[in-house]
């Protein structure tokens, strides 16, 4: 599978994750989000940037939904609910946001 972004063909896995994390750009994330009928706002970008930073700065760490709740509550200065995360990323926040972040597919079960 692949997606077209800015005249480039970007290879993806069958589940939509980038085959090469180095292919990620914000334009790639936007194109991927469009295929999932998501319009990215600043809250989406906060989560995407956090996941990328955690993965690339913390030895491949891919935070689960519980960790996302705690981190976004801290960043946004209010208690963030699980429902709110699922409204932003209905396909499972940690996995869908991870895909849009250009991270490899996480093989952990659950997510909360």
PDB file of N, CA and C in Angstrom:
ATOM      1  N   UNK A   1       0.846  -1.179   0.000  1.00  0.00           N
ATOM      2  CA  UNK A   1       0.000   0.000   0.000  1.00  0.00           C
ATOM      3  C   UNK A   1       0.891   1.241   0.000  1.00  0.00           C
ATOM      4  N   UNK A   2       0.297   2.349  -0.382  1.00  0.00           N
ATOM      5  CA  UNK A   2       1.043   3.596  -0.374  1.00  0.00           C
ATOM      6  C   UNK A   2       0.080   4.772  -0.406  1.00  0.00           C
ATOM      7  N   UNK A   3       0.616   5.959  -0.110  1.00  0.00           N
ATOM      8  CA  UNK A   3      -0.148   7.195  -0.223  1.00  0.00           C
ATOM      9  C   UNK A   3       0.682   8.182  -1.043  1.00  0.00           C
ATOM     10  N   UNK A   4      -0.005   9.099  -1.687  1.00  0.00           N
ATOM     11  CA  UNK A   4       0.662  10.141  -2.479  1.00  0.00           C
ATOM     12  C   UNK A   4       0.645  11.431  -1.679  1.00  0.00           C
ATOM     13  N   UNK A   5       1.844  12.021  -1.502  1.00  0.00           N
ATOM     14  CA  UNK A   5       1.957  13.264  -0.757  1.00  0.00           C
ATOM     15  C   UNK A   5       2.972  14.153  -1.465  1.00  0.00           C
ATOM     16  N   UNK A   6       2.538  15.340  -1.847  1.00  0.00           N
ATOM     17  CA  UNK A   6       3.426  16.316  -2.488  1.00  0.00           C
ATOM     18  C   UNK A   6       4.206  15.719  -3.649  1.00  0.00           C
ATOM     19  N   UNK A   7       3.544  14.889  -4.435  1.00  0.00           N
ATOM     20  CA  UNK A   7       4.181  14.290  -5.599  1.00  0.00           C
ATOM     21  C   UNK A   7       5.066  13.099  -5.297  1.00  0.00           C
ATOM     22  N   UNK A   8       5.115  12.667  -4.039  1.00  0.00           N
ATOM     23  CA  UNK A   8       5.917  11.510  -3.646  1.00  0.00           C
ATOM     24  C   UNK A   8       5.013  10.345  -3.265  1.00  0.00           C
ATOM     25  N   UNK A   9       5.459   9.145  -3.565  1.00  0.00           N
ATOM     26  CA  UNK A   9       4.750   7.950  -3.153  1.00  0.00           C
ATOM     27  C   UNK A   9       5.380   7.458  -1.862  1.00  0.00           C
ATOM     28  N   UNK A  10       4.578   7.366  -0.808  1.00  0.00           N
ATOM     29  CA  UNK A  10       5.039   6.950   0.519  1.00  0.00           C
ATOM     30  C   UNK A  10       4.498   5.553   0.794  1.00  0.00           C
ATOM     31  N   UNK A  11       5.390   4.606   1.017  1.00  0.00           N
ATOM     32  CA  UNK A  11       4.988   3.216   1.267  1.00  0.00           C
ATOM     33  C   UNK A  11       4.421   3.062   2.672  1.00  0.00           C
ATOM     34  N   UNK A  12       3.299   2.327   2.751  1.00  0.00           N
ATOM     35  CA  UNK A  12       2.689   2.020   4.038  1.00  0.00           C
ATOM     36  C   UNK A  12       2.426   0.520   4.133  1.00  0.00           C
ATOM     37  N   UNK A  13       2.250   0.054   5.348  1.00  0.00           N
ATOM     38  CA  UNK A  13       1.910  -1.342   5.581  1.00  0.00           C
ATOM     39  C   UNK A  13       0.422  -1.547   5.281  1.00  0.00           C
ATOM     40  N   UNK A  14      -0.036  -2.778   5.339  1.00  0.00           N
ATOM     41  CA  UNK A  14      -1.452  -3.067   5.114  1.00  0.00           C
ATOM     42  C   UNK A  14      -2.343  -2.355   6.120  1.00  0.00           C
ATOM     43  N   UNK A  15      -1.824  -2.124   7.335  1.00  0.00           N
ATOM     44  CA  UNK A  15      -2.618  -1.448   8.362  1.00  0.00           C
ATOM     45  C   UNK A  15      -2.415   0.063   8.355  1.00  0.00           C
ATOM     46  N   UNK A  16      -1.704   0.591   7.352  1.00  0.00           N
ATOM     47  CA  UNK A  16      -1.600   2.035   7.180  1.00  0.00           C
ATOM     48  C   UNK A  16      -0.433   2.721   7.857  1.00  0.00           C
ATOM     49  N   UNK A  17       0.457   1.964   8.488  1.00  0.00           N
ATOM     50  CA  UNK A  17       1.633   2.559   9.131  1.00  0.00           C
ATOM     51  C   UNK A  17       2.726   2.769   8.087  1.00  0.00           C
ATOM     52  N   UNK A  18       3.541   3.792   8.279  1.00  0.00           N
ATOM     53  CA  UNK A  18       4.633   4.036   7.350  1.00  0.00           C
ATOM     54  C   UNK A  18       5.633   2.895   7.407  1.00  0.00           C
ATOM     55  N   UNK A  19       6.093   2.455   6.251  1.00  0.00           N
ATOM     56  CA  UNK A  19       7.143   1.432   6.230  1.00  0.00           C
ATOM     57  C   UNK A  19       8.468   2.016   6.683  1.00  0.00           C
ATOM     58  N   UNK A  20       8.704   3.290   6.377  1.00  0.00           N
ATOM     59  CA  UNK A  20       9.938   3.959   6.767  1.00  0.00           C
ATOM     60  C   UNK A  20       9.593   5.211   7.573  1.00  0.00           C
ATOM     61  N   UNK A  21       9.852   5.213   8.893  1.00  0.00           N
ATOM     62  CA  UNK A  21       9.526   6.380   9.717  1.00  0.00           C
ATOM     63  C   UNK A  21      10.189   7.675   9.226  1.00  0.00           C
ATOM     64  N   UNK A  22      11.291   7.559   8.487  1.00  0.00           N
ATOM     65  CA  UNK A  22      11.964   8.756   7.965  1.00  0.00           C
ATOM     66  C   UNK A  22      11.149   9.444   6.866  1.00  0.00           C
ATOM     67  N   UNK A  23      10.121   8.783   6.348  1.00  0.00           N
ATOM     68  CA  UNK A  23       9.261   9.386   5.331  1.00  0.00           C
ATOM     69  C   UNK A  23       8.260  10.368   5.930  1.00  0.00           C
ATOM     70  N   UNK A  24       8.168  10.409   7.258  1.00  0.00           N
ATOM     71  CA  UNK A  24       7.146  11.236   7.914  1.00  0.00           C
ATOM     72  C   UNK A  24       7.447  12.722   7.773  1.00  0.00           C
ATOM     73  N   UNK A  25       6.409  13.476   7.465  1.00  0.00           N
ATOM     74  CA  UNK A  25       6.404  14.935   7.529  1.00  0.00           C
ATOM     75  C   UNK A  25       5.014  15.333   8.003  1.00  0.00           C
ATOM     76  N   UNK A  26       4.828  16.588   8.338  1.00  0.00           N
ATOM     77  CA  UNK A  26       3.494  17.027   8.718  1.00  0.00           C
ATOM     78  C   UNK A  26       2.522  16.865   7.556  1.00  0.00           C
ATOM     79  N   UNK A  27       3.010  17.051   6.331  1.00  0.00           N
ATOM     80  CA  UNK A  27       2.153  16.854   5.154  1.00  0.00           C
ATOM     81  C   UNK A  27       1.701  15.408   5.038  1.00  0.00           C
ATOM     82  N   UNK A  28       2.597  14.482   5.368  1.00  0.00           N
ATOM     83  CA  UNK A  28       2.244  13.059   5.350  1.00  0.00           C
ATOM     84  C   UNK A  28       1.168  12.797   6.403  1.00  0.00           C
ATOM     85  N   UNK A  29       1.345  13.358   7.602  1.00  0.00           N
ATOM     86  CA  UNK A  29       0.350  13.170   8.663  1.00  0.00           C
ATOM     87  C   UNK A  29      -1.010  13.713   8.231  1.00  0.00           C
ATOM     88  N   UNK A  30      -1.023  14.878   7.603  1.00  0.00           N
ATOM     89  CA  UNK A  30      -2.284  15.468   7.137  1.00  0.00           C
ATOM     90  C   UNK A  30      -2.949  14.581   6.084  1.00  0.00           C
ATOM     91  N   UNK A  31      -2.150  14.065   5.148  1.00  0.00           N
ATOM     92  CA  UNK A  31      -2.698  13.190   4.108  1.00  0.00           C
ATOM     93  C   UNK A  31      -3.264  11.908   4.714  1.00  0.00           C
ATOM     94  N   UNK A  32      -2.545  11.342   5.677  1.00  0.00           N
ATOM     95  CA  UNK A  32      -3.034  10.129   6.342  1.00  0.00           C
ATOM     96  C   UNK A  32      -4.330  10.427   7.084  1.00  0.00           C
ATOM     97  N   UNK A  33      -4.388  11.576   7.758  1.00  0.00           N
ATOM     98  CA  UNK A  33      -5.583  11.957   8.514  1.00  0.00           C
ATOM     99  C   UNK A  33      -6.776  12.132   7.581  1.00  0.00           C
ATOM    100  N   UNK A  34      -6.544  12.715   6.412  1.00  0.00           N
ATOM    101  CA  UNK A  34      -7.628  12.902   5.450  1.00  0.00           C
ATOM    102  C   UNK A  34      -8.240  11.573   5.036  1.00  0.00           C
ATOM    103  N   UNK A  35      -7.396  10.545   4.865  1.00  0.00           N
ATOM    104  CA  UNK A  35      -7.936   9.239   4.483  1.00  0.00           C
ATOM    105  C   UNK A  35      -8.772   8.630   5.608  1.00  0.00           C
ATOM    106  N   UNK A  36      -8.543   9.112   6.841  1.00  0.00           N
ATOM    107  CA  UNK A  36      -9.307   8.625   7.993  1.00  0.00           C
ATOM    108  C   UNK A  36     -10.397   9.618   8.393  1.00  0.00           C
ATOM    109  N   UNK A  37     -10.629  10.607   7.523  1.00  0.00           N
ATOM    110  CA  UNK A  37     -11.648  11.631   7.738  1.00  0.00           C
ATOM    111  C   UNK A  37     -11.452  12.402   9.035  1.00  0.00           C
ATOM    112  N   UNK A  38     -10.194  12.719   9.331  1.00  0.00           N
ATOM    113  CA  UNK A  38      -9.850  13.542  10.490  1.00  0.00           C
ATOM    114  C   UNK A  38      -9.287  14.870  10.006  1.00  0.00           C
ATOM    115  N   UNK A  39      -9.728  15.951  10.607  1.00  0.00           N
ATOM    116  CA  UNK A  39      -9.143  17.251  10.364  1.00  0.00           C
ATOM    117  C   UNK A  39      -8.318  17.589  11.606  1.00  0.00           C
ATOM    118  N   UNK A  40      -7.011  17.658  11.445  1.00  0.00           N
ATOM    119  CA  UNK A  40      -6.117  17.831  12.585  1.00  0.00           C
ATOM    120  C   UNK A  40      -6.167  19.255  13.122  1.00  0.00           C
ATOM    121  N   UNK A  41      -6.402  19.349  14.438  1.00  0.00           N
ATOM    122  CA  UNK A  41      -6.360  20.645  15.105  1.00  0.00           C
ATOM    123  C   UNK A  41      -5.161  20.657  16.062  1.00  0.00           C
ATOM    124  N   UNK A  42      -5.013  21.712  16.839  1.00  0.00           N
ATOM    125  CA  UNK A  42      -3.830  21.848  17.692  1.00  0.00           C
ATOM    126  C   UNK A  42      -3.742  20.737  18.739  1.00  0.00           C
ATOM    127  N   UNK A  43      -4.881  20.241  19.227  1.00  0.00           N
ATOM    128  CA  UNK A  43      -4.843  19.138  20.186  1.00  0.00           C
ATOM    129  C   UNK A  43      -4.306  17.864  19.532  1.00  0.00           C
ATOM    130  N   UNK A  44      -4.722  17.590  18.303  1.00  0.00           N
ATOM    131  CA  UNK A  44      -4.174  16.450  17.577  1.00  0.00           C
ATOM    132  C   UNK A  44      -2.658  16.584  17.463  1.00  0.00           C
ATOM    133  N   UNK A  45      -2.209  17.787  17.060  1.00  0.00           N
ATOM    134  CA  UNK A  45      -0.767  18.005  16.875  1.00  0.00           C
ATOM    135  C   UNK A  45       0.004  17.882  18.179  1.00  0.00           C
ATOM    136  N   UNK A  46      -0.595  18.313  19.309  1.00  0.00           N
ATOM    137  CA  UNK A  46       0.064  18.131  20.612  1.00  0.00           C
ATOM    138  C   UNK A  46       0.349  16.655  20.859  1.00  0.00           C
ATOM    139  N   UNK A  47      -0.642  15.821  20.586  1.00  0.00           N
ATOM    140  CA  UNK A  47      -0.496  14.383  20.808  1.00  0.00           C
ATOM    141  C   UNK A  47       0.513  13.791  19.821  1.00  0.00           C
ATOM    142  N   UNK A  48       0.397  14.150  18.562  1.00  0.00           N
ATOM    143  CA  UNK A  48       1.321  13.637  17.542  1.00  0.00           C
ATOM    144  C   UNK A  48       2.760  14.013  17.884  1.00  0.00           C
ATOM    145  N   UNK A  49       2.990  15.272  18.227  1.00  0.00           N
ATOM    146  CA  UNK A  49       4.359  15.717  18.554  1.00  0.00           C
ATOM    147  C   UNK A  49       4.872  15.034  19.816  1.00  0.00           C
ATOM    148  N   UNK A  50       4.005  14.868  20.808  1.00  0.00           N
ATOM    149  CA  UNK A  50       4.402  14.164  22.034  1.00  0.00           C
ATOM    150  C   UNK A  50       4.813  12.724  21.719  1.00  0.00           C
ATOM    151  N   UNK A  51       3.999  12.018  20.930  1.00  0.00           N
ATOM    152  CA  UNK A  51       4.325  10.626  20.596  1.00  0.00           C
ATOM    153  C   UNK A  51       5.637  10.523  19.829  1.00  0.00           C
ATOM    154  N   UNK A  52       5.854  11.440  18.890  1.00  0.00           N
ATOM    155  CA  UNK A  52       7.118  11.425  18.137  1.00  0.00           C
ATOM    156  C   UNK A  52       8.301  11.699  19.063  1.00  0.00           C
ATOM    157  N   UNK A  53       8.156  12.661  19.944  1.00  0.00           N
ATOM    158  CA  UNK A  53       9.246  12.988  20.869  1.00  0.00           C
ATOM    159  C   UNK A  53       9.546  11.806  21.786  1.00  0.00           C
ATOM    160  N   UNK A  54       8.511  11.183  22.319  1.00  0.00           N
ATOM    161  CA  UNK A  54       8.709  10.025  23.196  1.00  0.00           C
ATOM    162  C   UNK A  54       9.410   8.890  22.454  1.00  0.00           C
ATOM    163  N   UNK A  55       8.977   8.631  21.242  1.00  0.00           N
ATOM    164  CA  UNK A  55       9.545   7.514  20.487  1.00  0.00           C
ATOM    165  C   UNK A  55      11.011   7.773  20.131  1.00  0.00           C
ATOM    166  N   UNK A  56      11.297   8.928  19.593  1.00  0.00           N
ATOM    167  CA  UNK A  56      12.647   9.196  19.106  1.00  0.00           C
ATOM    168  C   UNK A  56      13.614   9.638  20.200  1.00  0.00           C
ATOM    169  N   UNK A  57      13.104  10.144  21.331  1.00  0.00           N
ATOM    170  CA  UNK A  57      13.981  10.602  22.414  1.00  0.00           C
ATOM    171  C   UNK A  57      14.037   9.639  23.592  1.00  0.00           C
ATOM    172  N   UNK A  58      13.199   8.623  23.585  1.00  0.00           N
ATOM    173  CA  UNK A  58      13.084   7.747  24.747  1.00  0.00           C
ATOM    174  C   UNK A  58      13.119   6.276  24.330  1.00  0.00           C
ATOM    175  N   UNK A  59      14.081   5.921  23.496  1.00  0.00           N
ATOM    176  CA  UNK A  59      14.363   4.528  23.149  1.00  0.00           C
ATOM    177  C   UNK A  59      13.159   3.761  22.598  1.00  0.00           C
ATOM    178  N   UNK A  60      12.404   4.403  21.705  1.00  0.00           N
ATOM    179  CA  UNK A  60      11.291   3.711  21.061  1.00  0.00           C
ATOM    180  C   UNK A  60      10.042   3.585  21.910  1.00  0.00           C
ATOM    181  N   UNK A  61       9.925   4.370  22.978  1.00  0.00           N
ATOM    182  CA  UNK A  61       8.743   4.304  23.836  1.00  0.00           C
ATOM    183  C   UNK A  61       7.501   4.757  23.077  1.00  0.00           C
ATOM    184  N   UNK A  62       6.449   3.951  23.166  1.00  0.00           N
ATOM    185  CA  UNK A  62       5.168   4.298  22.569  1.00  0.00           C
ATOM    186  C   UNK A  62       4.112   4.312  23.675  1.00  0.00           C
ATOM    187  N   UNK A  63       3.808   5.496  24.210  1.00  0.00           N
ATOM    188  CA  UNK A  63       2.869   5.605  25.330  1.00  0.00           C
ATOM    189  C   UNK A  63       1.491   5.038  25.001  1.00  0.00           C
ATOM    190  N   UNK A  64       0.867   4.432  26.010  1.00  0.00           N
ATOM    191  CA  UNK A  64      -0.490   3.918  25.851  1.00  0.00           C
ATOM    192  C   UNK A  64      -1.498   5.023  26.167  1.00  0.00           C
ATOM    193  N   UNK A  65      -2.783   4.706  26.082  1.00  0.00           N
ATOM    194  CA  UNK A  65      -3.825   5.709  26.301  1.00  0.00           C
ATOM    195  C   UNK A  65      -3.762   6.321  27.696  1.00  0.00           C
ATOM    196  N   UNK A  66      -3.501   5.524  28.698  1.00  0.00           N
ATOM    197  CA  UNK A  66      -3.431   6.051  30.064  1.00  0.00           C
ATOM    198  C   UNK A  66      -2.329   7.100  30.181  1.00  0.00           C
ATOM    199  N   UNK A  67      -1.180   6.813  29.596  1.00  0.00           N
ATOM    200  CA  UNK A  67      -0.077   7.764  29.628  1.00  0.00           C
ATOM    201  C   UNK A  67      -0.436   9.022  28.847  1.00  0.00           C
ATOM    202  N   UNK A  68      -1.116   8.856  27.718  1.00  0.00           N
ATOM    203  CA  UNK A  68      -1.565  10.022  26.945  1.00  0.00           C
ATOM    204  C   UNK A  68      -2.508  10.899  27.772  1.00  0.00           C
ATOM    205  N   UNK A  69      -3.422  10.270  28.506  1.00  0.00           N
ATOM    206  CA  UNK A  69      -4.348  11.031  29.356  1.00  0.00           C
ATOM    207  C   UNK A  69      -3.584  11.873  30.369  1.00  0.00           C
ATOM    208  N   UNK A  70      -2.630  11.263  31.042  1.00  0.00           N
ATOM    209  CA  UNK A  70      -1.858  11.980  32.069  1.00  0.00           C
ATOM    210  C   UNK A  70      -1.048  13.113  31.453  1.00  0.00           C
ATOM    211  N   UNK A  71      -0.381  12.834  30.343  1.00  0.00           N
ATOM    212  CA  UNK A  71       0.475  13.839  29.710  1.00  0.00           C
ATOM    213  C   UNK A  71      -0.332  15.001  29.149  1.00  0.00           C
ATOM    214  N   UNK A  72      -1.438  14.719  28.472  1.00  0.00           N
ATOM    215  CA  UNK A  72      -2.240  15.803  27.900  1.00  0.00           C
ATOM    216  C   UNK A  72      -2.941  16.603  28.997  1.00  0.00           C
ATOM    217  N   UNK A  73      -3.329  15.946  30.088  1.00  0.00           N
ATOM    218  CA  UNK A  73      -3.905  16.683  31.218  1.00  0.00           C
ATOM    219  C   UNK A  73      -2.881  17.677  31.753  1.00  0.00           C
ATOM    220  N   UNK A  74      -1.646  17.252  31.848  1.00  0.00           N
ATOM    221  CA  UNK A  74      -0.578  18.128  32.320  1.00  0.00           C
ATOM    222  C   UNK A  74      -0.326  19.267  31.331  1.00  0.00           C
ATOM    223  N   UNK A  75      -0.247  18.949  30.064  1.00  0.00           N
ATOM    224  CA  UNK A  75       0.051  19.965  29.039  1.00  0.00           C
ATOM    225  C   UNK A  75      -1.091  20.957  28.845  1.00  0.00           C
ATOM    226  N   UNK A  76      -2.321  20.448  28.899  1.00  0.00           N
ATOM    227  CA  UNK A  76      -3.462  21.310  28.623  1.00  0.00           C
ATOM    228  C   UNK A  76      -4.013  21.976  29.881  1.00  0.00           C
ATOM    229  N   UNK A  77      -3.467  21.640  31.057  1.00  0.00           N
ATOM    230  CA  UNK A  77      -3.846  22.305  32.299  1.00  0.00           C
ATOM    231  C   UNK A  77      -5.231  21.975  32.815  1.00  0.00           C
ATOM    232  N   UNK A  78      -5.736  20.811  32.442  1.00  0.00           N
ATOM    233  CA  UNK A  78      -7.050  20.364  32.919  1.00  0.00           C
ATOM    234  C   UNK A  78      -7.119  18.856  32.788  1.00  0.00           C
ATOM    235  N   UNK A  79      -8.070  18.265  33.489  1.00  0.00           N
ATOM    236  CA  UNK A  79      -8.220  16.815  33.397  1.00  0.00           C
ATOM    237  C   UNK A  79      -8.815  16.449  32.041  1.00  0.00           C
ATOM    238  N   UNK A  80      -8.094  15.613  31.310  1.00  0.00           N
ATOM    239  CA  UNK A  80      -8.550  15.149  30.000  1.00  0.00           C
ATOM    240  C   UNK A  80      -9.180  13.769  30.183  1.00  0.00           C
ATOM    241  N   UNK A  81     -10.341  13.570  29.600  1.00  0.00           N
ATOM    242  CA  UNK A  81     -11.041  12.291  29.743  1.00  0.00           C
ATOM    243  C   UNK A  81     -10.681  11.342  28.601  1.00  0.00           C
ATOM    244  N   UNK A  82     -10.865  10.066  28.865  1.00  0.00           N
ATOM    245  CA  UNK A  82     -10.660   9.053  27.840  1.00  0.00           C
ATOM    246  C   UNK A  82     -11.600   9.316  26.663  1.00  0.00           C
ATOM    247  N   UNK A  83     -12.821   9.734  26.966  1.00  0.00           N
ATOM    248  CA  UNK A  83     -13.802  10.052  25.921  1.00  0.00           C
ATOM    249  C   UNK A  83     -13.255  11.145  25.002  1.00  0.00           C
ATOM    250  N   UNK A  84     -12.611  12.139  25.583  1.00  0.00           N
ATOM    251  CA  UNK A  84     -12.061  13.249  24.793  1.00  0.00           C
ATOM    252  C   UNK A  84     -10.968  12.754  23.839  1.00  0.00           C
ATOM    253  N   UNK A  85     -10.106  11.852  24.337  1.00  0.00           N
ATOM    254  CA  UNK A  85      -9.071  11.300  23.459  1.00  0.00           C
ATOM    255  C   UNK A  85      -9.690  10.511  22.308  1.00  0.00           C
ATOM    256  N   UNK A  86     -10.739   9.744  22.606  1.00  0.00           N
ATOM    257  CA  UNK A  86     -11.395   8.961  21.564  1.00  0.00           C
ATOM    258  C   UNK A  86     -12.173   9.843  20.588  1.00  0.00           C
ATOM    259  N   UNK A  87     -12.598  11.023  21.028  1.00  0.00           N
ATOM    260  CA  UNK A  87     -13.221  11.965  20.096  1.00  0.00           C
ATOM    261  C   UNK A  87     -12.172  12.521  19.126  1.00  0.00           C
ATOM    262  N   UNK A  88     -10.955  12.726  19.617  1.00  0.00           N
ATOM    263  CA  UNK A  88      -9.872  13.211  18.757  1.00  0.00           C
ATOM    264  C   UNK A  88      -9.393  12.119  17.808  1.00  0.00           C
ATOM    265  N   UNK A  89      -9.217  10.912  18.349  1.00  0.00           N
ATOM    266  CA  UNK A  89      -8.706   9.769  17.577  1.00  0.00           C
ATOM    267  C   UNK A  89      -9.623   8.574  17.796  1.00  0.00           C
ATOM    268  N   UNK A  90     -10.734   8.501  17.062  1.00  0.00           N
ATOM    269  CA  UNK A  90     -11.730   7.448  17.298  1.00  0.00           C
ATOM    270  C   UNK A  90     -11.236   6.035  17.021  1.00  0.00           C
ATOM    271  N   UNK A  91     -10.142   5.894  16.296  1.00  0.00           N
ATOM    272  CA  UNK A  91      -9.627   4.568  15.982  1.00  0.00           C
ATOM    273  C   UNK A  91      -8.678   4.033  17.033  1.00  0.00           C
ATOM    274  N   UNK A  92      -8.771   4.458  18.265  1.00  0.00           N
ATOM    275  CA  UNK A  92      -7.923   4.139  19.413  1.00  0.00           C
ATOM    276  C   UNK A  92      -6.788   5.155  19.455  1.00  0.00           C
ATOM    277  N   UNK A  93      -6.824   6.061  20.429  1.00  0.00           N
ATOM    278  CA  UNK A  93      -5.879   7.172  20.466  1.00  0.00           C
ATOM    279  C   UNK A  93      -4.406   6.794  20.321  1.00  0.00           C
ATOM    280  N   UNK A  94      -3.910   5.867  21.114  1.00  0.00           N
ATOM    281  CA  UNK A  94      -2.472   5.588  21.037  1.00  0.00           C
ATOM    282  C   UNK A  94      -2.084   4.967  19.702  1.00  0.00           C
ATOM    283  N   UNK A  95      -2.931   4.118  19.159  1.00  0.00           N
ATOM    284  CA  UNK A  95      -2.598   3.455  17.884  1.00  0.00           C
ATOM    285  C   UNK A  95      -2.828   4.380  16.685  1.00  0.00           C
ATOM    286  N   UNK A  96      -3.981   5.032  16.630  1.00  0.00           N
ATOM    287  CA  UNK A  96      -4.272   5.904  15.496  1.00  0.00           C
ATOM    288  C   UNK A  96      -3.327   7.109  15.493  1.00  0.00           C
ATOM    289  N   UNK A  97      -3.116   7.714  16.645  1.00  0.00           N
ATOM    290  CA  UNK A  97      -2.192   8.847  16.718  1.00  0.00           C
ATOM    291  C   UNK A  97      -0.765   8.385  16.414  1.00  0.00           C
ATOM    292  N   UNK A  98      -0.416   7.187  16.844  1.00  0.00           N
ATOM    293  CA  UNK A  98       0.906   6.636  16.529  1.00  0.00           C
ATOM    294  C   UNK A  98       1.095   6.457  15.036  1.00  0.00           C
ATOM    295  N   UNK A  99       0.053   6.002  14.362  1.00  0.00           N
ATOM    296  CA  UNK A  99       0.116   5.833  12.907  1.00  0.00           C
ATOM    297  C   UNK A  99       0.316   7.195  12.238  1.00  0.00           C
ATOM    298  N   UNK A 100      -0.470   8.200  12.662  1.00  0.00           N
ATOM    299  CA  UNK A 100      -0.347   9.531  12.081  1.00  0.00           C
ATOM    300  C   UNK A 100       0.980  10.195  12.456  1.00  0.00           C
ATOM    301  N   UNK A 101       1.604   9.714  13.513  1.00  0.00           N
ATOM    302  CA  UNK A 101       2.904  10.235  13.951  1.00  0.00           C
ATOM    303  C   UNK A 101       4.060   9.612  13.194  1.00  0.00           C
ATOM    304  N   UNK A 102       3.752   8.619  12.365  1.00  0.00           N
ATOM    305  CA  UNK A 102       4.802   7.966  11.586  1.00  0.00           C
ATOM    306  C   UNK A 102       5.583   6.923  12.351  1.00  0.00           C
ATOM    307  N   UNK A 103       5.028   6.479  13.483  1.00  0.00           N
ATOM    308  CA  UNK A 103       5.713   5.479  14.301  1.00  0.00           C
ATOM    309  C   UNK A 103       5.383   4.076  13.799  1.00  0.00           C
ATOM    310  N   UNK A 104       6.233   3.102  14.122  1.00  0.00           N
ATOM    311  CA  UNK A 104       5.912   1.720  13.764  1.00  0.00           C
ATOM    312  C   UNK A 104       4.672   1.246  14.516  1.00  0.00           C
ATOM    313  N   UNK A 105       4.009   0.243  13.988  1.00  0.00           N
ATOM    314  CA  UNK A 105       2.825  -0.293  14.636  1.00  0.00           C
ATOM    315  C   UNK A 105       3.202  -0.928  15.967  1.00  0.00           C
ATOM    316  N   UNK A 106       2.491  -0.533  17.018  1.00  0.00           N
ATOM    317  CA  UNK A 106       2.707  -1.091  18.345  1.00  0.00           C
ATOM    318  C   UNK A 106       1.996  -2.438  18.420  1.00  0.00           C
ATOM    319  N   UNK A 107       2.668  -3.432  18.958  1.00  0.00           N
ATOM    320  CA  UNK A 107       2.082  -4.771  19.038  1.00  0.00           C
ATOM    321  C   UNK A 107       1.482  -5.071  20.403  1.00  0.00           C
ATOM    322  N   UNK A 108       1.455  -4.061  21.294  1.00  0.00           N
ATOM    323  CA  UNK A 108       0.883  -4.329  22.622  1.00  0.00           C
ATOM    324  C   UNK A 108      -0.631  -4.474  22.515  1.00  0.00           C
ATOM    325  N   UNK A 109      -1.190  -5.189  23.463  1.00  0.00           N
ATOM    326  CA  UNK A 109      -2.638  -5.361  23.506  1.00  0.00           C
ATOM    327  C   UNK A 109      -3.223  -4.304  24.407  1.00  0.00           C
ATOM    328  N   UNK A 110      -4.498  -4.060  24.260  1.00  0.00           N
ATOM    329  CA  UNK A 110      -5.163  -3.090  25.111  1.00  0.00           C
ATOM    330  C   UNK A 110      -4.781  -1.685  24.709  1.00  0.00           C
ATOM    331  N   UNK A 111      -4.341  -0.910  25.652  1.00  0.00           N
ATOM    332  CA  UNK A 111      -3.979   0.452  25.363  1.00  0.00           C
ATOM    333  C   UNK A 111      -4.388   1.381  26.463  1.00  0.00           C
ATOM    334  N   UNK A 112      -5.066   0.828  27.498  1.00  0.00           N
ATOM    335  CA  UNK A 112      -5.456   1.703  28.583  1.00  0.00           C
ATOM    336  C   UNK A 112      -4.881   1.234  29.872  1.00  0.00           C
TER     337      UNK A 112
END
